[in-house]
Amino acid sequence: FYQGRQAVRMASATQPALGSLYALPFAAYDVAVEPGEYQWQIKLQQGQTVLAESALSSIVLLPDLNLPTPTPEVTATVPAPTVTPTPTTPSGPIWPTETPRPTLPPPPVFPTATPAP
């Protein structure tokens, strides 16, 4: 599997599954990459020596919309205590107070002229 020019080994087999046939079970969702277009190749190696290899093939990885998305963890926050004043009760009886009436404005001033003698 190639991410850009970086080759990433995804699976290996040391014994044939059926006679001279090799099988590599591999699930694409095991690859921790973003959805996109990549390349893959099969190599037959003995130690570090490459005996045969396939041509590079393109592969497109799409997101699986059926997989559940992780639910974010909610952390409970404890509200800070608030101080509320305690009402005080007077020691004696409470008498109603009279609401003062509004004062009236002074009457308007009318200029007057005294007649000439």
PDB file of N, CA and C in Angstrom:
ATOM      1  N   PHE A   1       0.867  -1.154   0.000  1.00  0.00           N
ATOM      2  CA  PHE A   1       0.000   0.000   0.000  1.00  0.00           C
ATOM      3  C   PHE A   1       0.911   1.212   0.000  1.00  0.00           C
ATOM      4  N   TYR A   2       0.613   2.176  -0.852  1.00  0.00           N
ATOM      5  CA  TYR A   2       1.459   3.363  -0.970  1.00  0.00           C
ATOM      6  C   TYR A   2       0.683   4.603  -0.562  1.00  0.00           C
ATOM      7  N   GLN A   3       1.265   5.359   0.357  1.00  0.00           N
ATOM      8  CA  GLN A   3       0.769   6.676   0.721  1.00  0.00           C
ATOM      9  C   GLN A   3       1.763   7.659   0.115  1.00  0.00           C
ATOM     10  N   GLY A   4       1.400   8.198  -1.045  1.00  0.00           N
ATOM     11  CA  GLY A   4       2.362   9.019  -1.786  1.00  0.00           C
ATOM     12  C   GLY A   4       3.464   8.112  -2.290  1.00  0.00           C
ATOM     13  N   ARG A   5       4.700   8.390  -1.925  1.00  0.00           N
ATOM     14  CA  ARG A   5       5.829   7.531  -2.320  1.00  0.00           C
ATOM     15  C   ARG A   5       6.225   6.570  -1.201  1.00  0.00           C
ATOM     16  N   GLN A   6       5.569   6.658  -0.071  1.00  0.00           N
ATOM     17  CA  GLN A   6       5.891   5.826   1.086  1.00  0.00           C
ATOM     18  C   GLN A   6       5.160   4.488   1.008  1.00  0.00           C
ATOM     19  N   ALA A   7       5.922   3.384   0.963  1.00  0.00           N
ATOM     20  CA  ALA A   7       5.330   2.041   0.951  1.00  0.00           C
ATOM     21  C   ALA A   7       5.050   1.611   2.390  1.00  0.00           C
ATOM     22  N   VAL A   8       3.836   1.102   2.621  1.00  0.00           N
ATOM     23  CA  VAL A   8       3.433   0.628   3.945  1.00  0.00           C
ATOM     24  C   VAL A   8       3.020  -0.830   3.810  1.00  0.00           C
ATOM     25  N   ARG A   9       3.708  -1.729   4.539  1.00  0.00           N
ATOM     26  CA  ARG A   9       3.365  -3.152   4.482  1.00  0.00           C
ATOM     27  C   ARG A   9       2.081  -3.373   5.263  1.00  0.00           C
ATOM     28  N   MET A  10       1.091  -3.961   4.600  1.00  0.00           N
ATOM     29  CA  MET A  10      -0.204  -4.178   5.233  1.00  0.00           C
ATOM     30  C   MET A  10      -0.379  -5.613   5.718  1.00  0.00           C
ATOM     31  N   ALA A  11       0.177  -6.574   5.007  1.00  0.00           N
ATOM     32  CA  ALA A  11       0.010  -7.980   5.388  1.00  0.00           C
ATOM     33  C   ALA A  11       1.152  -8.784   4.788  1.00  0.00           C
ATOM     34  N   SER A  12       1.362  -9.961   5.338  1.00  0.00           N
ATOM     35  CA  SER A  12       2.372 -10.866   4.781  1.00  0.00           C
ATOM     36  C   SER A  12       1.918 -12.298   5.009  1.00  0.00           C
ATOM     37  N   ALA A  13       2.427 -13.185   4.155  1.00  0.00           N
ATOM     38  CA  ALA A  13       2.121 -14.614   4.274  1.00  0.00           C
ATOM     39  C   ALA A  13       3.427 -15.375   4.104  1.00  0.00           C
ATOM     40  N   THR A  14       3.624 -16.382   4.928  1.00  0.00           N
ATOM     41  CA  THR A  14       4.855 -17.172   4.847  1.00  0.00           C
ATOM     42  C   THR A  14       4.608 -18.569   4.300  1.00  0.00           C
ATOM     43  N   GLN A  15       3.359 -19.003   4.266  1.00  0.00           N
ATOM     44  CA  GLN A  15       3.010 -20.337   3.773  1.00  0.00           C
ATOM     45  C   GLN A  15       1.895 -20.214   2.744  1.00  0.00           C
ATOM     46  N   PRO A  16       1.915 -21.043   1.693  1.00  0.00           N
ATOM     47  CA  PRO A  16       0.813 -21.014   0.729  1.00  0.00           C
ATOM     48  C   PRO A  16      -0.476 -21.522   1.372  1.00  0.00           C
ATOM     49  N   ALA A  17      -1.610 -20.971   0.921  1.00  0.00           N
ATOM     50  CA  ALA A  17      -2.908 -21.381   1.446  1.00  0.00           C
ATOM     51  C   ALA A  17      -3.419 -22.623   0.726  1.00  0.00           C
ATOM     52  N   LEU A  18      -3.272 -22.677  -0.590  1.00  0.00           N
ATOM     53  CA  LEU A  18      -3.740 -23.811  -1.398  1.00  0.00           C
ATOM     54  C   LEU A  18      -2.644 -24.186  -2.403  1.00  0.00           C
ATOM     55  N   GLY A  19      -1.871 -25.175  -2.074  1.00  0.00           N
ATOM     56  CA  GLY A  19      -0.811 -25.585  -3.000  1.00  0.00           C
ATOM     57  C   GLY A  19       0.227 -24.488  -3.140  1.00  0.00           C
ATOM     58  N   SER A  20       0.233 -23.857  -4.317  1.00  0.00           N
ATOM     59  CA  SER A  20       1.185 -22.769  -4.550  1.00  0.00           C
ATOM     60  C   SER A  20       0.498 -21.400  -4.526  1.00  0.00           C
ATOM     61  N   LEU A  21      -0.755 -21.339  -4.062  1.00  0.00           N
ATOM     62  CA  LEU A  21      -1.491 -20.073  -3.994  1.00  0.00           C
ATOM     63  C   LEU A  21      -1.376 -19.471  -2.596  1.00  0.00           C
ATOM     64  N   TYR A  22      -1.137 -18.199  -2.560  1.00  0.00           N
ATOM     65  CA  TYR A  22      -1.052 -17.474  -1.298  1.00  0.00           C
ATOM     66  C   TYR A  22      -2.305 -16.614  -1.132  1.00  0.00           C
ATOM     67  N   ALA A  23      -2.744 -16.454   0.078  1.00  0.00           N
ATOM     68  CA  ALA A  23      -3.909 -15.610   0.362  1.00  0.00           C
ATOM     69  C   ALA A  23      -3.521 -14.616   1.459  1.00  0.00           C
ATOM     70  N   LEU A  24      -3.971 -13.383   1.268  1.00  0.00           N
ATOM     71  CA  LEU A  24      -3.721 -12.338   2.259  1.00  0.00           C
ATOM     72  C   LEU A  24      -5.052 -11.729   2.681  1.00  0.00           C
ATOM     73  N   PRO A  25      -5.605 -12.179   3.790  1.00  0.00           N
ATOM     74  CA  PRO A  25      -6.840 -11.532   4.248  1.00  0.00           C
ATOM     75  C   PRO A  25      -6.500 -10.135   4.773  1.00  0.00           C
ATOM     76  N   PHE A  26      -7.227  -9.169   4.268  1.00  0.00           N
ATOM     77  CA  PHE A  26      -6.933  -7.790   4.635  1.00  0.00           C
ATOM     78  C   PHE A  26      -8.194  -6.963   4.464  1.00  0.00           C
ATOM     79  N   ALA A  27      -8.527  -6.157   5.443  1.00  0.00           N
ATOM     80  CA  ALA A  27      -9.700  -5.275   5.373  1.00  0.00           C
ATOM     81  C   ALA A  27      -9.221  -3.837   5.199  1.00  0.00           C
ATOM     82  N   ALA A  28      -9.831  -3.142   4.257  1.00  0.00           N
ATOM     83  CA  ALA A  28      -9.413  -1.764   3.966  1.00  0.00           C
ATOM     84  C   ALA A  28      -9.647  -0.842   5.150  1.00  0.00           C
ATOM     85  N   TYR A  29     -10.638  -1.123   5.992  1.00  0.00           N
ATOM     86  CA  TYR A  29     -10.879  -0.222   7.121  1.00  0.00           C
ATOM     87  C   TYR A  29      -9.819  -0.348   8.199  1.00  0.00           C
ATOM     88  N   ASP A  30      -8.910  -1.356   8.063  1.00  0.00           N
ATOM     89  CA  ASP A  30      -7.794  -1.452   9.003  1.00  0.00           C
ATOM     90  C   ASP A  30      -6.709  -0.423   8.701  1.00  0.00           C
ATOM     91  N   VAL A  31      -6.791   0.211   7.534  1.00  0.00           N
ATOM     92  CA  VAL A  31      -5.805   1.215   7.150  1.00  0.00           C
ATOM     93  C   VAL A  31      -6.219   2.542   7.781  1.00  0.00           C
ATOM     94  N   ALA A  32      -5.337   3.124   8.543  1.00  0.00           N
ATOM     95  CA  ALA A  32      -5.657   4.390   9.210  1.00  0.00           C
ATOM     96  C   ALA A  32      -5.268   5.562   8.317  1.00  0.00           C
ATOM     97  N   VAL A  33      -5.989   5.726   7.204  1.00  0.00           N
ATOM     98  CA  VAL A  33      -5.737   6.839   6.291  1.00  0.00           C
ATOM     99  C   VAL A  33      -7.059   7.520   5.980  1.00  0.00           C
ATOM    100  N   GLU A  34      -6.957   8.706   5.455  1.00  0.00           N
ATOM    101  CA  GLU A  34      -8.136   9.452   5.028  1.00  0.00           C
ATOM    102  C   GLU A  34      -8.668   8.856   3.729  1.00  0.00           C
ATOM    103  N   PRO A  35      -9.966   8.987   3.466  1.00  0.00           N
ATOM    104  CA  PRO A  35     -10.490   8.542   2.177  1.00  0.00           C
ATOM    105  C   PRO A  35      -9.771   9.277   1.046  1.00  0.00           C
ATOM    106  N   GLY A  36      -9.536   8.565  -0.041  1.00  0.00           N
ATOM    107  CA  GLY A  36      -8.841   9.173  -1.175  1.00  0.00           C
ATOM    108  C   GLY A  36      -8.339   8.110  -2.131  1.00  0.00           C
ATOM    109  N   GLU A  37      -7.510   8.524  -3.087  1.00  0.00           N
ATOM    110  CA  GLU A  37      -6.966   7.609  -4.094  1.00  0.00           C
ATOM    111  C   GLU A  37      -5.545   7.220  -3.700  1.00  0.00           C
ATOM    112  N   TYR A  38      -5.278   5.919  -3.707  1.00  0.00           N
ATOM    113  CA  TYR A  38      -3.978   5.379  -3.327  1.00  0.00           C
ATOM    114  C   TYR A  38      -3.550   4.343  -4.361  1.00  0.00           C
ATOM    115  N   GLN A  39      -2.377   3.714  -4.125  1.00  0.00           N
ATOM    116  CA  GLN A  39      -1.896   2.635  -4.986  1.00  0.00           C
ATOM    117  C   GLN A  39      -1.510   1.456  -4.105  1.00  0.00           C
ATOM    118  N   TRP A  40      -1.557   0.250  -4.717  1.00  0.00           N
ATOM    119  CA  TRP A  40      -1.158  -0.949  -4.004  1.00  0.00           C
ATOM    120  C   TRP A  40      -0.370  -1.846  -4.942  1.00  0.00           C
ATOM    121  N   GLN A  41       0.377  -2.774  -4.341  1.00  0.00           N
ATOM    122  CA  GLN A  41       1.243  -3.665  -5.105  1.00  0.00           C
ATOM    123  C   GLN A  41       1.493  -4.918  -4.276  1.00  0.00           C
ATOM    124  N   ILE A  42       1.686  -6.041  -4.968  1.00  0.00           N
ATOM    125  CA  ILE A  42       2.014  -7.308  -4.311  1.00  0.00           C
ATOM    126  C   ILE A  42       3.467  -7.633  -4.648  1.00  0.00           C
ATOM    127  N   LYS A  43       4.239  -8.001  -3.621  1.00  0.00           N
ATOM    128  CA  LYS A  43       5.641  -8.376  -3.821  1.00  0.00           C
ATOM    129  C   LYS A  43       5.870  -9.765  -3.245  1.00  0.00           C
ATOM    130  N   LEU A  44       6.651 -10.568  -3.970  1.00  0.00           N
ATOM    131  CA  LEU A  44       7.086 -11.874  -3.484  1.00  0.00           C
ATOM    132  C   LEU A  44       8.545 -11.707  -3.089  1.00  0.00           C
ATOM    133  N   GLN A  45       8.804 -11.849  -1.783  1.00  0.00           N
ATOM    134  CA  GLN A  45      10.143 -11.621  -1.271  1.00  0.00           C
ATOM    135  C   GLN A  45      10.637 -12.840  -0.515  1.00  0.00           C
ATOM    136  N   GLN A  46      11.951 -12.986  -0.535  1.00  0.00           N
ATOM    137  CA  GLN A  46      12.600 -13.975   0.318  1.00  0.00           C
ATOM    138  C   GLN A  46      13.631 -13.185   1.113  1.00  0.00           C
ATOM    139  N   GLY A  47      13.299 -12.931   2.379  1.00  0.00           N
ATOM    140  CA  GLY A  47      14.129 -12.026   3.172  1.00  0.00           C
ATOM    141  C   GLY A  47      13.965 -10.617   2.628  1.00  0.00           C
ATOM    142  N   GLN A  48      15.070  -9.979   2.292  1.00  0.00           N
ATOM    143  CA  GLN A  48      15.030  -8.645   1.711  1.00  0.00           C
ATOM    144  C   GLN A  48      15.080  -8.681   0.186  1.00  0.00           C
ATOM    145  N   THR A  49      15.215  -9.865  -0.407  1.00  0.00           N
ATOM    146  CA  THR A  49      15.317  -9.998  -1.859  1.00  0.00           C
ATOM    147  C   THR A  49      13.928 -10.087  -2.475  1.00  0.00           C
ATOM    148  N   VAL A  50      13.641  -9.222  -3.457  1.00  0.00           N
ATOM    149  CA  VAL A  50      12.360  -9.234  -4.160  1.00  0.00           C
ATOM    150  C   VAL A  50      12.469 -10.237  -5.306  1.00  0.00           C
ATOM    151  N   LEU A  51      11.653 -11.310  -5.257  1.00  0.00           N
ATOM    152  CA  LEU A  51      11.659 -12.330  -6.306  1.00  0.00           C
ATOM    153  C   LEU A  51      10.732 -11.945  -7.451  1.00  0.00           C
ATOM    154  N   ALA A  52       9.605 -11.349  -7.140  1.00  0.00           N
ATOM    155  CA  ALA A  52       8.644 -10.908  -8.162  1.00  0.00           C
ATOM    156  C   ALA A  52       7.768  -9.830  -7.541  1.00  0.00           C
ATOM    157  N   GLU A  53       7.220  -8.954  -8.404  1.00  0.00           N
ATOM    158  CA  GLU A  53       6.308  -7.926  -7.915  1.00  0.00           C
ATOM    159  C   GLU A  53       5.310  -7.576  -9.001  1.00  0.00           C
ATOM    160  N   SER A  54       4.120  -7.202  -8.571  1.00  0.00           N
ATOM    161  CA  SER A  54       3.080  -6.819  -9.522  1.00  0.00           C
ATOM    162  C   SER A  54       3.261  -5.348  -9.895  1.00  0.00           C
ATOM    163  N   ALA A  55       2.528  -4.942 -10.919  1.00  0.00           N
ATOM    164  CA  ALA A  55       2.512  -3.523 -11.280  1.00  0.00           C
ATOM    165  C   ALA A  55       1.704  -2.767 -10.226  1.00  0.00           C
ATOM    166  N   LEU A  56       1.945  -1.475 -10.108  1.00  0.00           N
ATOM    167  CA  LEU A  56       1.158  -0.657  -9.185  1.00  0.00           C
ATOM    168  C   LEU A  56      -0.271  -0.560  -9.694  1.00  0.00           C
ATOM    169  N   SER A  57      -1.229  -0.720  -8.810  1.00  0.00           N
ATOM    170  CA  SER A  57      -2.648  -0.611  -9.151  1.00  0.00           C
ATOM    171  C   SER A  57      -3.267   0.486  -8.296  1.00  0.00           C
ATOM    172  N   SER A  58      -4.223   1.191  -8.874  1.00  0.00           N
ATOM    173  CA  SER A  58      -4.910   2.256  -8.136  1.00  0.00           C
ATOM    174  C   SER A  58      -6.025   1.668  -7.289  1.00  0.00           C
ATOM    175  N   ILE A  59      -6.264   2.298  -6.163  1.00  0.00           N
ATOM    176  CA  ILE A  59      -7.370   1.922  -5.294  1.00  0.00           C
ATOM    177  C   ILE A  59      -7.933   3.210  -4.690  1.00  0.00           C
ATOM    178  N   VAL A  60      -9.252   3.290  -4.608  1.00  0.00           N
ATOM    179  CA  VAL A  60      -9.916   4.453  -4.024  1.00  0.00           C
ATOM    180  C   VAL A  60     -10.588   3.998  -2.733  1.00  0.00           C
ATOM    181  N   LEU A  61     -10.262   4.656  -1.640  1.00  0.00           N
ATOM    182  CA  LEU A  61     -10.880   4.348  -0.352  1.00  0.00           C
ATOM    183  C   LEU A  61     -11.930   5.409  -0.061  1.00  0.00           C
ATOM    184  N   LEU A  62     -13.147   4.944   0.178  1.00  0.00           N
ATOM    185  CA  LEU A  62     -14.272   5.836   0.473  1.00  0.00           C
ATOM    186  C   LEU A  62     -14.669   5.663   1.932  1.00  0.00           C
ATOM    187  N   PRO A  63     -15.228   6.685   2.545  1.00  0.00           N
ATOM    188  CA  PRO A  63     -15.670   6.524   3.936  1.00  0.00           C
ATOM    189  C   PRO A  63     -16.869   5.586   4.006  1.00  0.00           C
ATOM    190  N   ASP A  64     -16.923   4.782   5.060  1.00  0.00           N
ATOM    191  CA  ASP A  64     -18.062   3.894   5.287  1.00  0.00           C
ATOM    192  C   ASP A  64     -19.097   4.670   6.093  1.00  0.00           C
ATOM    193  N   LEU A  65     -20.181   5.048   5.440  1.00  0.00           N
ATOM    194  CA  LEU A  65     -21.199   5.864   6.095  1.00  0.00           C
ATOM    195  C   LEU A  65     -22.025   5.072   7.104  1.00  0.00           C
ATOM    196  N   ASN A  66     -21.886   3.730   7.107  1.00  0.00           N
ATOM    197  CA  ASN A  66     -22.639   2.902   8.051  1.00  0.00           C
ATOM    198  C   ASN A  66     -21.933   2.765   9.394  1.00  0.00           C
ATOM    199  N   LEU A  67     -20.661   3.154   9.450  1.00  0.00           N
ATOM    200  CA  LEU A  67     -19.946   3.056  10.717  1.00  0.00           C
ATOM    201  C   LEU A  67     -20.453   4.127  11.672  1.00  0.00           C
ATOM    202  N   PRO A  68     -20.610   3.782  12.928  1.00  0.00           N
ATOM    203  CA  PRO A  68     -21.072   4.804  13.880  1.00  0.00           C
ATOM    204  C   PRO A  68     -19.972   5.833  14.116  1.00  0.00           C
ATOM    205  N   THR A  69     -20.390   7.053  14.285  1.00  0.00           N
ATOM    206  CA  THR A  69     -19.425   8.105  14.595  1.00  0.00           C
ATOM    207  C   THR A  69     -19.292   8.193  16.106  1.00  0.00           C
ATOM    208  N   PRO A  70     -18.101   8.462  16.584  1.00  0.00           N
ATOM    209  CA  PRO A  70     -17.932   8.521  18.036  1.00  0.00           C
ATOM    210  C   PRO A  70     -18.719   9.677  18.636  1.00  0.00           C
ATOM    211  N   THR A  71     -19.292   9.401  19.777  1.00  0.00           N
ATOM    212  CA  THR A  71     -20.043  10.425  20.500  1.00  0.00           C
ATOM    213  C   THR A  71     -19.068  11.179  21.392  1.00  0.00           C
ATOM    214  N   PRO A  72     -19.087  12.501  21.320  1.00  0.00           N
ATOM    215  CA  PRO A  72     -18.157  13.234  22.186  1.00  0.00           C
ATOM    216  C   PRO A  72     -18.495  13.016  23.654  1.00  0.00           C
ATOM    217  N   GLU A  73     -17.450  12.937  24.457  1.00  0.00           N
ATOM    218  CA  GLU A  73     -17.662  12.755  25.890  1.00  0.00           C
ATOM    219  C   GLU A  73     -18.059  14.086  26.511  1.00  0.00           C
ATOM    220  N   VAL A  74     -19.098  14.039  27.298  1.00  0.00           N
ATOM    221  CA  VAL A  74     -19.571  15.244  27.974  1.00  0.00           C
ATOM    222  C   VAL A  74     -19.070  15.200  29.404  1.00  0.00           C
ATOM    223  N   THR A  75     -18.394  16.242  29.786  1.00  0.00           N
ATOM    224  CA  THR A  75     -17.914  16.309  31.164  1.00  0.00           C
ATOM    225  C   THR A  75     -18.829  17.240  31.942  1.00  0.00           C
ATOM    226  N   ALA A  76     -19.264  16.754  33.068  1.00  0.00           N
ATOM    227  CA  ALA A  76     -20.175  17.546  33.898  1.00  0.00           C
ATOM    228  C   ALA A  76     -19.392  18.664  34.572  1.00  0.00           C
ATOM    229  N   THR A  77     -19.967  19.833  34.557  1.00  0.00           N
ATOM    230  CA  THR A  77     -19.348  20.961  35.243  1.00  0.00           C
ATOM    231  C   THR A  77     -20.210  21.316  36.440  1.00  0.00           C
ATOM    232  N   VAL A  78     -19.562  21.463  37.560  1.00  0.00           N
ATOM    233  CA  VAL A  78     -20.269  21.809  38.788  1.00  0.00           C
ATOM    234  C   VAL A  78     -20.377  23.327  38.835  1.00  0.00           C
ATOM    235  N   PRO A  79     -21.599  23.845  38.938  1.00  0.00           N
ATOM    236  CA  PRO A  79     -21.724  25.306  38.983  1.00  0.00           C
ATOM    237  C   PRO A  79     -21.127  25.859  40.273  1.00  0.00           C
ATOM    238  N   ALA A  80     -20.534  27.015  40.146  1.00  0.00           N
ATOM    239  CA  ALA A  80     -19.947  27.665  41.319  1.00  0.00           C
ATOM    240  C   ALA A  80     -21.072  28.125  42.244  1.00  0.00           C
ATOM    241  N   PRO A  81     -20.872  27.981  43.538  1.00  0.00           N
ATOM    242  CA  PRO A  81     -21.934  28.417  44.456  1.00  0.00           C
ATOM    243  C   PRO A  81     -22.093  29.932  44.395  1.00  0.00           C
ATOM    244  N   THR A  82     -23.330  30.375  44.494  1.00  0.00           N
ATOM    245  CA  THR A  82     -23.607  31.810  44.494  1.00  0.00           C
ATOM    246  C   THR A  82     -24.086  32.213  45.878  1.00  0.00           C
ATOM    247  N   VAL A  83     -23.677  33.371  46.285  1.00  0.00           N
ATOM    248  CA  VAL A  83     -24.055  33.875  47.604  1.00  0.00           C
ATOM    249  C   VAL A  83     -25.335  34.677  47.446  1.00  0.00           C
ATOM    250  N   THR A  84     -26.352  34.300  48.200  1.00  0.00           N
ATOM    251  CA  THR A  84     -27.607  35.050  48.187  1.00  0.00           C
ATOM    252  C   THR A  84     -27.808  35.625  49.578  1.00  0.00           C
ATOM    253  N   PRO A  85     -28.123  36.913  49.651  1.00  0.00           N
ATOM    254  CA  PRO A  85     -28.300  37.507  50.983  1.00  0.00           C
ATOM    255  C   PRO A  85     -29.526  36.928  51.676  1.00  0.00           C
ATOM    256  N   THR A  86     -29.393  36.740  52.955  1.00  0.00           N
ATOM    257  CA  THR A  86     -30.508  36.249  53.761  1.00  0.00           C
ATOM    258  C   THR A  86     -31.313  37.453  54.234  1.00  0.00           C
ATOM    259  N   PRO A  87     -32.625  37.461  53.986  1.00  0.00           N
ATOM    260  CA  PRO A  87     -33.414  38.616  54.431  1.00  0.00           C
ATOM    261  C   PRO A  87     -33.456  38.670  55.956  1.00  0.00           C
ATOM    262  N   THR A  88     -33.369  39.883  56.446  1.00  0.00           N
ATOM    263  CA  THR A  88     -33.434  40.060  57.899  1.00  0.00           C
ATOM    264  C   THR A  88     -34.845  40.486  58.279  1.00  0.00           C
ATOM    265  N   THR A  89     -35.307  40.010  59.375  1.00  0.00           N
ATOM    266  CA  THR A  89     -36.645  40.375  59.848  1.00  0.00           C
ATOM    267  C   THR A  89     -36.493  41.403  60.960  1.00  0.00           C
ATOM    268  N   PRO A  90     -37.261  42.496  60.876  1.00  0.00           N
ATOM    269  CA  PRO A  90     -37.162  43.503  61.944  1.00  0.00           C
ATOM    270  C   PRO A  90     -37.724  42.950  63.244  1.00  0.00           C
ATOM    271  N   SER A  91     -37.262  43.534  64.331  1.00  0.00           N
ATOM    272  CA  SER A  91     -37.698  43.030  65.633  1.00  0.00           C
ATOM    273  C   SER A  91     -39.098  43.502  66.008  1.00  0.00           C
ATOM    274  N   GLY A  92     -39.539  44.655  65.534  1.00  0.00           N
ATOM    275  CA  GLY A  92     -40.855  45.175  65.896  1.00  0.00           C
ATOM    276  C   GLY A  92     -41.816  45.121  64.720  1.00  0.00           C
ATOM    277  N   PRO A  93     -43.040  45.656  64.942  1.00  0.00           N
ATOM    278  CA  PRO A  93     -44.014  45.647  63.843  1.00  0.00           C
ATOM    279  C   PRO A  93     -43.609  46.641  62.754  1.00  0.00           C
ATOM    280  N   ILE A  94     -44.019  46.353  61.573  1.00  0.00           N
ATOM    281  CA  ILE A  94     -43.727  47.222  60.439  1.00  0.00           C
ATOM    282  C   ILE A  94     -45.001  47.981  60.108  1.00  0.00           C
ATOM    283  N   TRP A  95     -44.916  49.324  60.200  1.00  0.00           N
ATOM    284  CA  TRP A  95     -46.067  50.165  59.893  1.00  0.00           C
ATOM    285  C   TRP A  95     -45.910  50.701  58.483  1.00  0.00           C
ATOM    286  N   PRO A  96     -47.038  50.775  57.760  1.00  0.00           N
ATOM    287  CA  PRO A  96     -46.926  51.323  56.408  1.00  0.00           C
ATOM    288  C   PRO A  96     -46.587  52.805  56.467  1.00  0.00           C
ATOM    289  N   THR A  97     -45.820  53.232  55.532  1.00  0.00           N
ATOM    290  CA  THR A  97     -45.478  54.651  55.452  1.00  0.00           C
ATOM    291  C   THR A  97     -46.303  55.291  54.364  1.00  0.00           C
ATOM    292  N   GLU A  98     -46.610  56.581  54.581  1.00  0.00           N
ATOM    293  CA  GLU A  98     -47.436  57.292  53.612  1.00  0.00           C
ATOM    294  C   GLU A  98     -46.563  57.701  52.437  1.00  0.00           C
ATOM    295  N   THR A  99     -47.120  57.504  51.274  1.00  0.00           N
ATOM    296  CA  THR A  99     -46.408  57.913  50.074  1.00  0.00           C
ATOM    297  C   THR A  99     -46.633  59.400  49.887  1.00  0.00           C
ATOM    298  N   PRO A 100     -45.575  60.202  49.809  1.00  0.00           N
ATOM    299  CA  PRO A 100     -45.793  61.642  49.648  1.00  0.00           C
ATOM    300  C   PRO A 100     -46.418  61.943  48.303  1.00  0.00           C
ATOM    301  N   ARG A 101     -47.330  62.930  48.344  1.00  0.00           N
ATOM    302  CA  ARG A 101     -47.979  63.333  47.097  1.00  0.00           C
ATOM    303  C   ARG A 101     -47.018  64.221  46.324  1.00  0.00           C
ATOM    304  N   PRO A 102     -47.113  64.173  45.025  1.00  0.00           N
ATOM    305  CA  PRO A 102     -46.219  65.033  44.253  1.00  0.00           C
ATOM    306  C   PRO A 102     -46.595  66.492  44.458  1.00  0.00           C
ATOM    307  N   THR A 103     -45.605  67.339  44.489  1.00  0.00           N
ATOM    308  CA  THR A 103     -45.864  68.772  44.653  1.00  0.00           C
ATOM    309  C   THR A 103     -46.235  69.355  43.311  1.00  0.00           C
ATOM    310  N   LEU A 104     -47.162  70.332  43.367  1.00  0.00           N
ATOM    311  CA  LEU A 104     -47.600  70.979  42.137  1.00  0.00           C
ATOM    312  C   LEU A 104     -46.616  72.072  41.771  1.00  0.00           C
ATOM    313  N   PRO A 105     -46.407  72.284  40.490  1.00  0.00           N
ATOM    314  CA  PRO A 105     -45.500  73.365  40.100  1.00  0.00           C
ATOM    315  C   PRO A 105     -46.154  74.712  40.405  1.00  0.00           C
ATOM    316  N   PRO A 106     -45.363  75.753  40.577  1.00  0.00           N
ATOM    317  CA  PRO A 106     -45.955  77.068  40.849  1.00  0.00           C
ATOM    318  C   PRO A 106     -46.759  77.541  39.645  1.00  0.00           C
ATOM    319  N   PRO A 107     -47.759  78.404  39.885  1.00  0.00           N
ATOM    320  CA  PRO A 107     -48.570  78.890  38.767  1.00  0.00           C
ATOM    321  C   PRO A 107     -47.705  79.717  37.820  1.00  0.00           C
ATOM    322  N   PRO A 108     -48.102  79.788  36.562  1.00  0.00           N
ATOM    323  CA  PRO A 108     -47.297  80.557  35.621  1.00  0.00           C
ATOM    324  C   PRO A 108     -47.341  82.045  35.941  1.00  0.00           C
ATOM    325  N   VAL A 109     -46.306  82.735  35.563  1.00  0.00           N
ATOM    326  CA  VAL A 109     -46.189  84.174  35.801  1.00  0.00           C
ATOM    327  C   VAL A 109     -46.731  84.887  34.579  1.00  0.00           C
ATOM    328  N   PHE A 110     -47.690  85.827  34.821  1.00  0.00           N
ATOM    329  CA  PHE A 110     -48.232  86.645  33.735  1.00  0.00           C
ATOM    330  C   PHE A 110     -47.726  88.070  33.924  1.00  0.00           C
ATOM    331  N   PRO A 111     -47.001  88.609  32.984  1.00  0.00           N
ATOM    332  CA  PRO A 111     -46.543  89.993  33.146  1.00  0.00           C
ATOM    333  C   PRO A 111     -47.735  90.961  33.039  1.00  0.00           C
ATOM    334  N   THR A 112     -47.776  91.889  33.895  1.00  0.00           N
ATOM    335  CA  THR A 112     -48.846  92.910  33.871  1.00  0.00           C
ATOM    336  C   THR A 112     -48.215  94.292  33.776  1.00  0.00           C
ATOM    337  N   ALA A 113     -48.927  95.174  33.185  1.00  0.00           N
ATOM    338  CA  ALA A 113     -48.447  96.565  33.074  1.00  0.00           C
ATOM    339  C   ALA A 113     -49.379  97.465  33.865  1.00  0.00           C
ATOM    340  N   THR A 114     -48.815  98.380  34.539  1.00  0.00           N
ATOM    341  CA  THR A 114     -49.660  99.325  35.264  1.00  0.00           C
ATOM    342  C   THR A 114     -50.012 100.476  34.329  1.00  0.00           C
ATOM    343  N   PRO A 115     -51.284 100.950  34.369  1.00  0.00           N
ATOM    344  CA  PRO A 115     -51.672 102.045  33.474  1.00  0.00           C
ATOM    345  C   PRO A 115     -50.950 103.347  33.839  1.00  0.00           C
ATOM    346  N   ALA A 116     -50.678 104.116  32.875  1.00  0.00           N
ATOM    347  CA  ALA A 116     -49.986 105.386  33.090  1.00  0.00           C
ATOM    348  C   ALA A 116     -50.975 106.414  33.648  1.00  0.00           C
ATOM    349  N   PRO A 117     -50.626 107.343  34.602  1.00  0.00           N
ATOM    350  CA  PRO A 117     -51.567 108.327  35.146  1.00  0.00           C
ATOM    351  C   PRO A 117     -51.861 109.478  34.237  1.00  0.00           C
TER     352      PRO A 117
END
